[in-house]
Protein backbone atom coordinates (compact mmCIF):
# COMPACT_ATOMS: atom_id res chain seq x y z
CA MET A 1 0.00 0.00 0.00
CA LEU A 2 1.17 3.54 -0.70
CA HIS A 3 1.56 5.88 2.25
CA SER A 4 1.01 9.62 2.28
CA ALA A 5 3.98 11.94 2.62
CA HIS A 6 1.77 14.01 4.94
CA PRO A 7 0.35 11.64 7.58
CA GLY A 8 -2.87 12.72 9.20
CA ASN A 9 -4.43 14.21 6.08
CA GLU A 10 -8.04 13.33 5.39
CA ILE A 11 -8.23 10.27 3.11
CA LEU A 12 -10.58 11.03 0.22
CA VAL A 13 -10.26 7.81 -1.81
CA SER A 14 -9.12 4.36 -0.75
CA LEU A 15 -9.06 0.94 -2.42
CA ALA A 16 -8.01 -2.24 -0.62
CA ASN A 17 -7.38 -5.46 -2.57
CA ALA A 18 -9.94 -4.31 -5.15
CA GLY A 19 -10.55 -6.05 -8.45
CA VAL A 20 -13.02 -6.20 -11.33
CA GLN A 21 -14.02 -9.36 -13.14
CA ARG A 22 -16.10 -9.45 -16.34
CA ASN A 23 -17.22 -12.61 -18.16
CA GLY A 24 -14.92 -14.77 -16.04
CA ARG A 25 -11.84 -12.65 -16.82
CA TRP A 26 -10.08 -10.34 -14.36
CA LEU A 27 -9.68 -6.86 -15.81
CA VAL A 28 -7.70 -5.72 -12.78
CA ARG A 29 -7.01 -7.38 -9.44
CA GLY A 30 -5.27 -6.58 -6.15
CA VAL A 31 -5.44 -2.79 -6.46
CA GLU A 32 -4.46 -0.97 -3.25
CA PHE A 33 -3.98 2.76 -2.79
CA SER A 34 -5.30 5.75 -0.92
CA VAL A 35 -5.37 9.43 -1.79
CA SER A 36 -5.37 12.12 0.87
CA LYS A 37 -6.67 15.65 0.55
CA GLY A 38 -4.16 17.81 -1.33
CA GLU A 39 -2.30 14.92 -2.98
CA ILE A 40 -1.85 14.65 -6.73
CA VAL A 41 -1.80 11.10 -8.10
CA THR A 42 -1.01 9.63 -11.51
CA LEU A 43 -1.55 6.10 -12.76
CA ILE A 44 1.17 5.03 -15.17
CA GLY A 45 1.32 1.79 -17.15
CA PRO A 46 1.02 0.22 -20.58
CA ASN A 47 -2.20 0.01 -22.58
CA GLY A 48 -4.63 -2.51 -21.12
CA SER A 49 -3.02 -2.62 -17.68
CA GLY A 50 -6.13 -1.47 -15.78
CA LYS A 51 -5.44 2.24 -15.23
CA SER A 52 -8.89 3.43 -16.33
CA THR A 53 -10.70 0.61 -14.53
CA SER A 54 -8.78 1.38 -11.33
CA ALA A 55 -9.61 5.08 -11.59
CA LYS A 56 -13.29 4.27 -12.23
CA MET A 57 -13.35 2.03 -9.14
CA ALA A 58 -11.79 4.82 -7.08
CA ILE A 59 -14.50 7.33 -8.03
CA GLY A 60 -17.38 4.84 -7.82
CA VAL A 61 -18.24 4.51 -11.51
CA VAL A 62 -17.29 0.81 -11.52
CA LYS A 63 -18.13 -1.41 -8.54
CA PRO A 64 -15.30 -3.76 -7.48
CA THR A 65 -16.04 -7.48 -7.82
CA GLU A 66 -13.73 -8.08 -4.85
CA GLY A 67 -12.23 -5.88 -2.17
CA VAL A 68 -13.30 -2.37 -1.28
């Protein structure tokens, strides 16, 4: 899990062992991160690695199949 450089900040978004499965195939699995107020976060990775799905889980557009 990532830790904030400024402990004590209000956590706005948090995912713990989150994953999304569609038609028996995992799109993304084991996602863990939290974002505190004032932090700027980027998701970096190759095409098809789950960046958009992870972001959509974080903002509640996609419901995780596992985790929270």
